[in-house]
Amino acid sequence: MTGILTVVEAAAADATELAAVAAVTFPLACPPSVTASDVADFLATVLSADRFAEYVAAPDRVVLEAVGADGIVGYAMLVDGVVDDPDVRAAVAATPTVELSKLYVLPDHHGEGASHLLMAAALERARARGAASVWLGVNQENVRAQRFYTKQGFARIGTKRFRVGDQLHHDFVLERRF
């Protein structure tokens, strides 16, 4: 363990460091079939510093960061509501809801409790926003993440599609009700 971790809401000044964490962690959550160019495109269009600055400023989002002695070691993002996806809309019944859009921790910090701290803070924020549930999508091949979410009280309620570059992936939709 590198020291005490705290979870705080991200600020616009953190956008570059958040994007750097995303550049390390997002590829680890992708199935082996995802190409390096598709990952690079996703990072550039969805997880860039500019996009994180937008996410931090958006009133319908909360970006949390786990911070240790050496900086940001992980992050989570909450988004109010259900995305405009018919599969998700059909699966998520407990509303109002909040999406746990992202929860990633640098691999050098796995096992230090950062993911548990981020999850606890995310669930607390969702409750404070009046949510009856939290939902998320997780790739069907990402068994490690599925185990973590199950231990955190999430249950599989459906499936959805998720595009990375030219590839369409199938994710499980998981939900935790309050």
N, C-alpha and C. Protein backbone atom coordinates (compact mmCIF):
# COMPACT_ATOMS: atom_id res chain seq x y z
N MET A 1 0.85 -1.18 0.00
CA MET A 1 0.00 0.00 0.00
C MET A 1 0.89 1.24 0.00
N THR A 2 0.50 2.23 -0.80
CA THR A 2 1.31 3.44 -0.91
C THR A 2 0.89 4.52 0.06
N GLY A 3 -0.08 4.28 0.90
CA GLY A 3 -0.52 5.29 1.85
C GLY A 3 -2.02 5.39 1.89
N ILE A 4 -2.46 6.42 2.58
CA ILE A 4 -3.89 6.63 2.76
C ILE A 4 -4.51 7.16 1.47
N LEU A 5 -5.65 6.60 1.12
CA LEU A 5 -6.39 7.05 -0.05
C LEU A 5 -7.61 7.85 0.41
N THR A 6 -7.91 8.90 -0.33
CA THR A 6 -9.13 9.66 -0.09
C THR A 6 -9.89 9.74 -1.40
N VAL A 7 -11.20 9.91 -1.30
CA VAL A 7 -12.03 10.09 -2.49
C VAL A 7 -12.63 11.49 -2.42
N VAL A 8 -12.43 12.23 -3.49
CA VAL A 8 -12.93 13.60 -3.59
C VAL A 8 -13.57 13.79 -4.96
N GLU A 9 -14.39 14.83 -5.07
CA GLU A 9 -14.92 15.18 -6.38
C GLU A 9 -13.82 15.82 -7.21
N ALA A 10 -13.75 15.45 -8.47
CA ALA A 10 -12.72 15.98 -9.36
C ALA A 10 -13.00 17.43 -9.69
N ALA A 11 -11.94 18.15 -10.00
CA ALA A 11 -12.01 19.54 -10.44
C ALA A 11 -11.50 19.61 -11.88
N ALA A 12 -11.82 20.69 -12.55
CA ALA A 12 -11.38 20.86 -13.94
C ALA A 12 -9.86 20.74 -14.06
N ALA A 13 -9.14 21.19 -13.04
CA ALA A 13 -7.67 21.12 -13.07
C ALA A 13 -7.16 19.68 -13.07
N ASP A 14 -8.00 18.74 -12.75
CA ASP A 14 -7.61 17.32 -12.69
C ASP A 14 -7.78 16.60 -14.02
N ALA A 15 -8.32 17.27 -15.03
CA ALA A 15 -8.69 16.61 -16.28
C ALA A 15 -7.53 15.89 -16.95
N THR A 16 -6.37 16.50 -16.99
CA THR A 16 -5.22 15.88 -17.65
C THR A 16 -4.79 14.61 -16.92
N GLU A 17 -4.76 14.67 -15.59
CA GLU A 17 -4.36 13.49 -14.81
C GLU A 17 -5.41 12.39 -14.91
N LEU A 18 -6.69 12.76 -14.93
CA LEU A 18 -7.75 11.76 -15.11
C LEU A 18 -7.61 11.07 -16.46
N ALA A 19 -7.32 11.83 -17.51
CA ALA A 19 -7.14 11.25 -18.84
C ALA A 19 -5.93 10.30 -18.85
N ALA A 20 -4.89 10.64 -18.12
CA ALA A 20 -3.72 9.77 -18.04
C ALA A 20 -4.06 8.46 -17.35
N VAL A 21 -4.86 8.52 -16.28
CA VAL A 21 -5.31 7.30 -15.60
C VAL A 21 -6.19 6.48 -16.55
N ALA A 22 -7.07 7.14 -17.27
CA ALA A 22 -7.94 6.44 -18.23
C ALA A 22 -7.13 5.76 -19.32
N ALA A 23 -6.05 6.39 -19.77
CA ALA A 23 -5.22 5.81 -20.82
C ALA A 23 -4.57 4.50 -20.38
N VAL A 24 -4.33 4.36 -19.09
CA VAL A 24 -3.75 3.12 -18.56
C VAL A 24 -4.84 2.09 -18.26
N THR A 25 -5.96 2.55 -17.70
CA THR A 25 -6.96 1.60 -17.18
C THR A 25 -7.98 1.12 -18.19
N PHE A 26 -8.40 2.00 -19.12
CA PHE A 26 -9.43 1.58 -20.07
C PHE A 26 -9.01 0.36 -20.89
N PRO A 27 -7.79 0.33 -21.44
CA PRO A 27 -7.41 -0.85 -22.22
C PRO A 27 -7.47 -2.15 -21.43
N LEU A 28 -7.25 -2.09 -20.13
CA LEU A 28 -7.28 -3.29 -19.30
C LEU A 28 -8.67 -3.89 -19.19
N ALA A 29 -9.70 -3.07 -19.38
CA ALA A 29 -11.07 -3.54 -19.27
C ALA A 29 -11.63 -4.04 -20.60
N CYS A 30 -10.87 -3.84 -21.67
CA CYS A 30 -11.33 -4.23 -23.00
C CYS A 30 -11.06 -5.70 -23.27
N PRO A 31 -11.94 -6.34 -24.03
CA PRO A 31 -11.67 -7.72 -24.44
C PRO A 31 -10.43 -7.76 -25.34
N PRO A 32 -9.76 -8.90 -25.41
CA PRO A 32 -8.54 -9.01 -26.22
C PRO A 32 -8.75 -8.69 -27.70
N SER A 33 -9.98 -8.80 -28.18
CA SER A 33 -10.24 -8.57 -29.60
C SER A 33 -10.24 -7.08 -29.99
N VAL A 34 -10.25 -6.19 -29.02
CA VAL A 34 -10.26 -4.76 -29.32
C VAL A 34 -8.87 -4.36 -29.81
N THR A 35 -8.84 -3.68 -30.94
CA THR A 35 -7.55 -3.29 -31.53
C THR A 35 -6.97 -2.06 -30.83
N ALA A 36 -5.67 -1.93 -30.95
CA ALA A 36 -4.98 -0.78 -30.35
C ALA A 36 -5.48 0.52 -30.96
N SER A 37 -5.78 0.52 -32.25
CA SER A 37 -6.26 1.76 -32.88
C SER A 37 -7.66 2.12 -32.39
N ASP A 38 -8.50 1.11 -32.14
CA ASP A 38 -9.83 1.39 -31.60
C ASP A 38 -9.74 1.93 -30.18
N VAL A 39 -8.83 1.38 -29.37
CA VAL A 39 -8.62 1.88 -28.02
C VAL A 39 -8.13 3.33 -28.09
N ALA A 40 -7.15 3.59 -28.95
CA ALA A 40 -6.61 4.95 -29.07
C ALA A 40 -7.69 5.94 -29.49
N ASP A 41 -8.55 5.54 -30.42
CA ASP A 41 -9.64 6.41 -30.85
C ASP A 41 -10.61 6.68 -29.71
N PHE A 42 -10.95 5.65 -28.94
CA PHE A 42 -11.87 5.81 -27.81
C PHE A 42 -11.26 6.75 -26.77
N LEU A 43 -9.98 6.56 -26.48
CA LEU A 43 -9.32 7.44 -25.52
C LEU A 43 -9.34 8.89 -26.01
N ALA A 44 -9.11 9.09 -27.29
CA ALA A 44 -9.06 10.44 -27.85
C ALA A 44 -10.43 11.12 -27.90
N THR A 45 -11.48 10.33 -28.11
CA THR A 45 -12.80 10.93 -28.29
C THR A 45 -13.67 10.91 -27.04
N VAL A 46 -13.45 9.95 -26.14
CA VAL A 46 -14.31 9.80 -24.97
C VAL A 46 -13.57 10.06 -23.65
N LEU A 47 -12.28 9.77 -23.61
CA LEU A 47 -11.55 9.84 -22.34
C LEU A 47 -10.34 10.79 -22.41
N SER A 48 -10.45 11.83 -23.20
CA SER A 48 -9.38 12.83 -23.31
C SER A 48 -9.49 13.84 -22.17
N ALA A 49 -8.45 14.62 -22.00
CA ALA A 49 -8.47 15.68 -20.98
C ALA A 49 -9.60 16.66 -21.24
N ASP A 50 -9.82 17.02 -22.50
CA ASP A 50 -10.93 17.94 -22.82
C ASP A 50 -12.28 17.36 -22.43
N ARG A 51 -12.45 16.07 -22.70
CA ARG A 51 -13.73 15.43 -22.34
C ARG A 51 -13.88 15.35 -20.83
N PHE A 52 -12.80 15.05 -20.10
CA PHE A 52 -12.91 15.02 -18.64
C PHE A 52 -13.25 16.40 -18.09
N ALA A 53 -12.72 17.45 -18.69
CA ALA A 53 -13.08 18.81 -18.26
C ALA A 53 -14.58 19.04 -18.47
N GLU A 54 -15.12 18.54 -19.58
CA GLU A 54 -16.57 18.64 -19.83
C GLU A 54 -17.35 17.84 -18.81
N TYR A 55 -16.90 16.62 -18.53
CA TYR A 55 -17.60 15.76 -17.58
C TYR A 55 -17.65 16.40 -16.19
N VAL A 56 -16.52 16.95 -15.75
CA VAL A 56 -16.45 17.56 -14.42
C VAL A 56 -17.41 18.75 -14.33
N ALA A 57 -17.57 19.48 -15.42
CA ALA A 57 -18.42 20.68 -15.42
C ALA A 57 -19.90 20.38 -15.62
N ALA A 58 -20.23 19.19 -16.10
CA ALA A 58 -21.62 18.87 -16.45
C ALA A 58 -22.48 18.71 -15.20
N PRO A 59 -23.65 19.35 -15.16
CA PRO A 59 -24.50 19.25 -13.97
C PRO A 59 -25.13 17.88 -13.76
N ASP A 60 -25.19 17.05 -14.81
CA ASP A 60 -25.79 15.72 -14.67
C ASP A 60 -24.76 14.64 -14.39
N ARG A 61 -23.52 15.05 -14.08
CA ARG A 61 -22.43 14.09 -13.83
C ARG A 61 -21.70 14.43 -12.54
N VAL A 62 -21.12 13.40 -11.95
CA VAL A 62 -20.20 13.56 -10.83
C VAL A 62 -18.99 12.69 -11.16
N VAL A 63 -17.81 13.31 -11.14
CA VAL A 63 -16.57 12.56 -11.33
C VAL A 63 -15.86 12.53 -9.98
N LEU A 64 -15.61 11.32 -9.51
CA LEU A 64 -14.90 11.12 -8.24
C LEU A 64 -13.51 10.61 -8.53
N GLU A 65 -12.56 10.96 -7.68
CA GLU A 65 -11.21 10.45 -7.86
C GLU A 65 -10.67 9.94 -6.54
N ALA A 66 -9.99 8.80 -6.63
CA ALA A 66 -9.27 8.27 -5.47
C ALA A 66 -7.86 8.82 -5.56
N VAL A 67 -7.44 9.50 -4.49
CA VAL A 67 -6.16 10.18 -4.49
C VAL A 67 -5.27 9.59 -3.40
N GLY A 68 -4.06 9.25 -3.79
CA GLY A 68 -3.06 8.76 -2.86
C GLY A 68 -1.88 9.71 -2.83
N ALA A 69 -0.83 9.29 -2.18
CA ALA A 69 0.37 10.14 -2.06
C ALA A 69 0.97 10.47 -3.41
N ASP A 70 0.79 9.59 -4.40
CA ASP A 70 1.37 9.84 -5.72
C ASP A 70 0.36 10.35 -6.74
N GLY A 71 -0.76 10.89 -6.26
CA GLY A 71 -1.75 11.49 -7.17
C GLY A 71 -2.99 10.64 -7.33
N ILE A 72 -3.69 10.86 -8.43
CA ILE A 72 -4.94 10.15 -8.71
C ILE A 72 -4.62 8.70 -9.07
N VAL A 73 -5.22 7.77 -8.35
CA VAL A 73 -4.98 6.35 -8.60
C VAL A 73 -6.20 5.65 -9.19
N GLY A 74 -7.34 6.35 -9.24
CA GLY A 74 -8.55 5.77 -9.81
C GLY A 74 -9.63 6.82 -9.87
N TYR A 75 -10.67 6.48 -10.62
CA TYR A 75 -11.79 7.41 -10.73
C TYR A 75 -13.09 6.66 -11.00
N ALA A 76 -14.18 7.34 -10.72
CA ALA A 76 -15.52 6.84 -11.03
C ALA A 76 -16.33 7.99 -11.57
N MET A 77 -17.28 7.69 -12.45
CA MET A 77 -18.15 8.72 -12.99
C MET A 77 -19.60 8.28 -12.89
N LEU A 78 -20.42 9.15 -12.35
CA LEU A 78 -21.87 8.94 -12.27
C LEU A 78 -22.56 9.85 -13.27
N VAL A 79 -23.61 9.32 -13.89
CA VAL A 79 -24.42 10.09 -14.84
C VAL A 79 -25.88 9.89 -14.46
N ASP A 80 -26.58 11.00 -14.27
CA ASP A 80 -28.00 10.91 -13.92
C ASP A 80 -28.80 10.23 -15.02
N GLY A 81 -29.69 9.33 -14.63
CA GLY A 81 -30.67 8.76 -15.54
C GLY A 81 -30.22 7.54 -16.32
N VAL A 82 -31.00 7.25 -17.36
CA VAL A 82 -30.76 6.11 -18.23
C VAL A 82 -30.40 6.66 -19.60
N VAL A 83 -29.37 6.11 -20.20
CA VAL A 83 -28.98 6.53 -21.54
C VAL A 83 -30.10 6.25 -22.53
N ASP A 84 -30.02 6.88 -23.68
CA ASP A 84 -31.03 6.68 -24.72
C ASP A 84 -30.73 5.38 -25.47
N ASP A 85 -30.92 4.28 -24.78
CA ASP A 85 -30.64 2.96 -25.31
C ASP A 85 -31.84 2.08 -24.95
N PRO A 86 -32.55 1.55 -25.95
CA PRO A 86 -33.76 0.78 -25.64
C PRO A 86 -33.50 -0.45 -24.78
N ASP A 87 -32.33 -1.09 -24.93
CA ASP A 87 -32.03 -2.26 -24.10
C ASP A 87 -31.88 -1.88 -22.64
N VAL A 88 -31.21 -0.76 -22.38
CA VAL A 88 -31.03 -0.30 -21.00
C VAL A 88 -32.36 0.17 -20.43
N ARG A 89 -33.12 0.91 -21.23
CA ARG A 89 -34.43 1.39 -20.77
C ARG A 89 -35.35 0.23 -20.40
N ALA A 90 -35.27 -0.85 -21.15
CA ALA A 90 -36.11 -2.02 -20.86
C ALA A 90 -35.64 -2.75 -19.60
N ALA A 91 -34.36 -2.68 -19.32
CA ALA A 91 -33.81 -3.44 -18.19
C ALA A 91 -33.93 -2.71 -16.86
N VAL A 92 -33.69 -1.41 -16.85
CA VAL A 92 -33.66 -0.64 -15.61
C VAL A 92 -35.07 -0.18 -15.26
N ALA A 93 -35.61 -0.72 -14.18
CA ALA A 93 -36.98 -0.41 -13.78
C ALA A 93 -37.05 0.48 -12.55
N ALA A 94 -36.03 0.46 -11.72
CA ALA A 94 -36.04 1.24 -10.48
C ALA A 94 -35.55 2.66 -10.77
N THR A 95 -36.47 3.57 -10.84
CA THR A 95 -36.12 4.96 -11.15
C THR A 95 -36.63 5.88 -10.05
N PRO A 96 -36.02 7.05 -9.88
CA PRO A 96 -34.92 7.57 -10.68
C PRO A 96 -33.65 6.75 -10.46
N THR A 97 -32.78 6.80 -11.45
CA THR A 97 -31.57 6.00 -11.41
C THR A 97 -30.37 6.84 -11.78
N VAL A 98 -29.20 6.32 -11.46
CA VAL A 98 -27.93 6.93 -11.82
C VAL A 98 -27.07 5.84 -12.44
N GLU A 99 -26.41 6.17 -13.54
CA GLU A 99 -25.47 5.23 -14.16
C GLU A 99 -24.10 5.38 -13.53
N LEU A 100 -23.51 4.27 -13.16
CA LEU A 100 -22.09 4.24 -12.81
C LEU A 100 -21.37 4.00 -14.12
N SER A 101 -20.99 5.08 -14.78
CA SER A 101 -20.47 5.02 -16.13
C SER A 101 -19.05 4.46 -16.18
N LYS A 102 -18.26 4.78 -15.17
CA LYS A 102 -16.88 4.33 -15.15
C LYS A 102 -16.42 4.12 -13.72
N LEU A 103 -15.58 3.13 -13.51
CA LEU A 103 -14.90 2.93 -12.24
C LEU A 103 -13.62 2.17 -12.55
N TYR A 104 -12.51 2.88 -12.50
CA TYR A 104 -11.22 2.30 -12.87
C TYR A 104 -10.18 2.65 -11.83
N VAL A 105 -9.25 1.73 -11.58
CA VAL A 105 -8.13 1.94 -10.66
C VAL A 105 -6.86 1.48 -11.36
N LEU A 106 -5.80 2.28 -11.21
CA LEU A 106 -4.51 1.90 -11.80
C LEU A 106 -4.08 0.53 -11.29
N PRO A 107 -3.53 -0.31 -12.16
CA PRO A 107 -3.18 -1.67 -11.74
C PRO A 107 -2.17 -1.72 -10.59
N ASP A 108 -1.29 -0.76 -10.49
CA ASP A 108 -0.33 -0.74 -9.39
C ASP A 108 -1.00 -0.50 -8.04
N HIS A 109 -2.26 -0.11 -8.07
CA HIS A 109 -2.99 0.19 -6.83
C HIS A 109 -4.14 -0.79 -6.58
N HIS A 110 -4.22 -1.86 -7.38
CA HIS A 110 -5.22 -2.89 -7.10
C HIS A 110 -4.92 -3.50 -5.74
N GLY A 111 -5.95 -3.81 -5.00
CA GLY A 111 -5.77 -4.44 -3.70
C GLY A 111 -5.57 -3.46 -2.56
N GLU A 112 -5.57 -2.16 -2.84
CA GLU A 112 -5.39 -1.15 -1.79
C GLU A 112 -6.71 -0.60 -1.26
N GLY A 113 -7.81 -1.03 -1.85
CA GLY A 113 -9.11 -0.55 -1.39
C GLY A 113 -9.66 0.62 -2.17
N ALA A 114 -8.96 1.08 -3.18
CA ALA A 114 -9.43 2.24 -3.94
C ALA A 114 -10.78 1.98 -4.62
N SER A 115 -10.95 0.79 -5.19
CA SER A 115 -12.21 0.50 -5.87
C SER A 115 -13.37 0.47 -4.88
N HIS A 116 -13.14 -0.05 -3.69
CA HIS A 116 -14.19 -0.09 -2.67
C HIS A 116 -14.53 1.33 -2.18
N LEU A 117 -13.50 2.15 -2.00
CA LEU A 117 -13.75 3.53 -1.59
C LEU A 117 -14.50 4.30 -2.67
N LEU A 118 -14.10 4.12 -3.92
CA LEU A 118 -14.81 4.79 -5.02
C LEU A 118 -16.25 4.33 -5.11
N MET A 119 -16.47 3.02 -4.96
CA MET A 119 -17.83 2.50 -5.03
C MET A 119 -18.68 3.05 -3.89
N ALA A 120 -18.15 3.05 -2.68
CA ALA A 120 -18.91 3.57 -1.54
C ALA A 120 -19.27 5.04 -1.76
N ALA A 121 -18.32 5.82 -2.23
CA ALA A 121 -18.58 7.23 -2.48
C ALA A 121 -19.59 7.41 -3.62
N ALA A 122 -19.48 6.59 -4.65
CA ALA A 122 -20.41 6.69 -5.78
C ALA A 122 -21.84 6.36 -5.33
N LEU A 123 -21.99 5.30 -4.55
CA LEU A 123 -23.32 4.93 -4.07
C LEU A 123 -23.89 6.01 -3.15
N GLU A 124 -23.04 6.58 -2.32
CA GLU A 124 -23.48 7.67 -1.43
C GLU A 124 -23.95 8.87 -2.25
N ARG A 125 -23.20 9.23 -3.29
CA ARG A 125 -23.59 10.37 -4.14
C ARG A 125 -24.90 10.08 -4.88
N ALA A 126 -25.05 8.84 -5.35
CA ALA A 126 -26.28 8.47 -6.06
C ALA A 126 -27.48 8.59 -5.14
N ARG A 127 -27.35 8.11 -3.91
CA ARG A 127 -28.45 8.24 -2.94
C ARG A 127 -28.76 9.71 -2.68
N ALA A 128 -27.70 10.52 -2.54
CA ALA A 128 -27.88 11.95 -2.29
C ALA A 128 -28.56 12.65 -3.46
N ARG A 129 -28.43 12.10 -4.65
CA ARG A 129 -29.08 12.67 -5.84
C ARG A 129 -30.52 12.15 -5.98
N GLY A 130 -30.96 11.33 -5.01
CA GLY A 130 -32.33 10.85 -5.01
C GLY A 130 -32.56 9.59 -5.81
N ALA A 131 -31.50 8.86 -6.13
CA ALA A 131 -31.63 7.66 -6.95
C ALA A 131 -32.26 6.51 -6.16
N ALA A 132 -33.09 5.73 -6.84
CA ALA A 132 -33.62 4.49 -6.29
C ALA A 132 -32.73 3.31 -6.65
N SER A 133 -31.84 3.54 -7.64
CA SER A 133 -30.93 2.48 -8.08
C SER A 133 -29.72 3.10 -8.76
N VAL A 134 -28.71 2.24 -8.93
CA VAL A 134 -27.53 2.56 -9.73
C VAL A 134 -27.39 1.43 -10.72
N TRP A 135 -27.12 1.76 -11.98
CA TRP A 135 -26.94 0.73 -12.99
C TRP A 135 -25.59 0.95 -13.67
N LEU A 136 -25.10 -0.10 -14.34
CA LEU A 136 -23.85 -0.02 -15.08
C LEU A 136 -23.83 -1.07 -16.16
N GLY A 137 -22.94 -0.86 -17.13
CA GLY A 137 -22.66 -1.87 -18.15
C GLY A 137 -21.27 -2.40 -17.94
N VAL A 138 -21.10 -3.71 -18.08
CA VAL A 138 -19.78 -4.34 -17.94
C VAL A 138 -19.65 -5.38 -19.04
N ASN A 139 -18.49 -5.38 -19.70
CA ASN A 139 -18.28 -6.32 -20.79
C ASN A 139 -18.45 -7.75 -20.30
N GLN A 140 -19.09 -8.56 -21.12
CA GLN A 140 -19.37 -9.95 -20.73
C GLN A 140 -18.10 -10.76 -20.53
N GLU A 141 -16.98 -10.32 -21.08
CA GLU A 141 -15.72 -11.04 -20.91
C GLU A 141 -14.92 -10.55 -19.70
N ASN A 142 -15.35 -9.47 -19.07
CA ASN A 142 -14.61 -8.90 -17.94
C ASN A 142 -15.11 -9.53 -16.64
N VAL A 143 -14.68 -10.76 -16.41
CA VAL A 143 -15.15 -11.55 -15.27
C VAL A 143 -14.71 -10.93 -13.94
N ARG A 144 -13.50 -10.38 -13.90
CA ARG A 144 -13.01 -9.77 -12.66
C ARG A 144 -13.93 -8.62 -12.23
N ALA A 145 -14.28 -7.75 -13.15
CA ALA A 145 -15.17 -6.63 -12.82
C ALA A 145 -16.55 -7.15 -12.41
N GLN A 146 -17.04 -8.16 -13.10
CA GLN A 146 -18.35 -8.72 -12.74
C GLN A 146 -18.35 -9.24 -11.31
N ARG A 147 -17.28 -9.91 -10.91
CA ARG A 147 -17.18 -10.42 -9.53
C ARG A 147 -17.20 -9.25 -8.53
N PHE A 148 -16.45 -8.21 -8.83
CA PHE A 148 -16.41 -7.04 -7.96
C PHE A 148 -17.81 -6.43 -7.82
N TYR A 149 -18.49 -6.22 -8.93
CA TYR A 149 -19.81 -5.60 -8.88
C TYR A 149 -20.82 -6.47 -8.15
N THR A 150 -20.74 -7.78 -8.33
CA THR A 150 -21.63 -8.69 -7.62
C THR A 150 -21.41 -8.59 -6.11
N LYS A 151 -20.14 -8.53 -5.69
CA LYS A 151 -19.82 -8.38 -4.27
C LYS A 151 -20.32 -7.04 -3.72
N GLN A 152 -20.50 -6.07 -4.60
CA GLN A 152 -20.98 -4.75 -4.19
C GLN A 152 -22.51 -4.65 -4.23
N GLY A 153 -23.17 -5.79 -4.48
CA GLY A 153 -24.63 -5.81 -4.43
C GLY A 153 -25.34 -5.61 -5.75
N PHE A 154 -24.62 -5.64 -6.86
CA PHE A 154 -25.23 -5.48 -8.17
C PHE A 154 -25.70 -6.84 -8.69
N ALA A 155 -26.79 -6.83 -9.44
CA ALA A 155 -27.33 -8.05 -10.05
C ALA A 155 -27.54 -7.81 -11.54
N ARG A 156 -27.35 -8.85 -12.33
CA ARG A 156 -27.54 -8.75 -13.77
C ARG A 156 -29.03 -8.63 -14.08
N ILE A 157 -29.37 -7.63 -14.90
CA ILE A 157 -30.77 -7.40 -15.26
C ILE A 157 -31.01 -7.35 -16.76
N GLY A 158 -29.95 -7.43 -17.55
CA GLY A 158 -30.12 -7.36 -19.00
C GLY A 158 -28.79 -7.29 -19.72
N THR A 159 -28.86 -6.97 -21.01
CA THR A 159 -27.67 -6.79 -21.83
C THR A 159 -27.84 -5.53 -22.67
N LYS A 160 -26.71 -5.01 -23.14
CA LYS A 160 -26.72 -3.86 -24.04
C LYS A 160 -25.50 -3.95 -24.94
N ARG A 161 -25.51 -3.14 -25.97
CA ARG A 161 -24.38 -3.08 -26.89
C ARG A 161 -23.49 -1.90 -26.53
N PHE A 162 -22.18 -2.04 -26.78
CA PHE A 162 -21.22 -0.99 -26.49
C PHE A 162 -20.19 -0.97 -27.62
N ARG A 163 -20.04 0.17 -28.25
CA ARG A 163 -19.15 0.27 -29.41
C ARG A 163 -17.79 0.82 -28.98
N VAL A 164 -16.74 0.12 -29.42
CA VAL A 164 -15.38 0.61 -29.32
C VAL A 164 -14.82 0.52 -30.73
N GLY A 165 -14.65 1.67 -31.37
CA GLY A 165 -14.19 1.70 -32.75
C GLY A 165 -15.19 1.03 -33.66
N ASP A 166 -14.71 0.11 -34.45
CA ASP A 166 -15.58 -0.61 -35.40
C ASP A 166 -16.23 -1.84 -34.80
N GLN A 167 -15.89 -2.15 -33.55
CA GLN A 167 -16.40 -3.37 -32.94
C GLN A 167 -17.58 -3.08 -32.01
N LEU A 168 -18.59 -3.90 -32.15
CA LEU A 168 -19.75 -3.82 -31.27
C LEU A 168 -19.63 -4.94 -30.24
N HIS A 169 -19.62 -4.56 -28.96
CA HIS A 169 -19.47 -5.52 -27.87
C HIS A 169 -20.80 -5.66 -27.14
N HIS A 170 -20.92 -6.76 -26.43
CA HIS A 170 -22.14 -7.01 -25.67
C HIS A 170 -21.79 -6.95 -24.19
N ASP A 171 -22.45 -6.06 -23.50
CA ASP A 171 -22.23 -5.85 -22.08
C ASP A 171 -23.42 -6.37 -21.29
N PHE A 172 -23.16 -6.81 -20.08
CA PHE A 172 -24.23 -7.08 -19.15
C PHE A 172 -24.65 -5.75 -18.53
N VAL A 173 -25.92 -5.59 -18.29
CA VAL A 173 -26.43 -4.45 -17.53
C VAL A 173 -26.67 -4.97 -16.11
N LEU A 174 -26.03 -4.31 -15.15
CA LEU A 174 -26.16 -4.68 -13.75
C LEU A 174 -26.83 -3.52 -13.01
N GLU A 175 -27.55 -3.86 -11.94
CA GLU A 175 -28.24 -2.83 -11.17
C GLU A 175 -28.14 -3.14 -9.69
N ARG A 176 -28.03 -2.08 -8.92
CA ARG A 176 -28.13 -2.18 -7.46
C ARG A 176 -29.23 -1.23 -7.03
N ARG A 177 -30.21 -1.79 -6.34
CA ARG A 177 -31.33 -0.98 -5.84
C ARG A 177 -31.07 -0.58 -4.39
N PHE A 178 -31.60 0.56 -4.03
CA PHE A 178 -31.49 1.04 -2.64
C PHE A 178 -32.73 0.72 -1.87
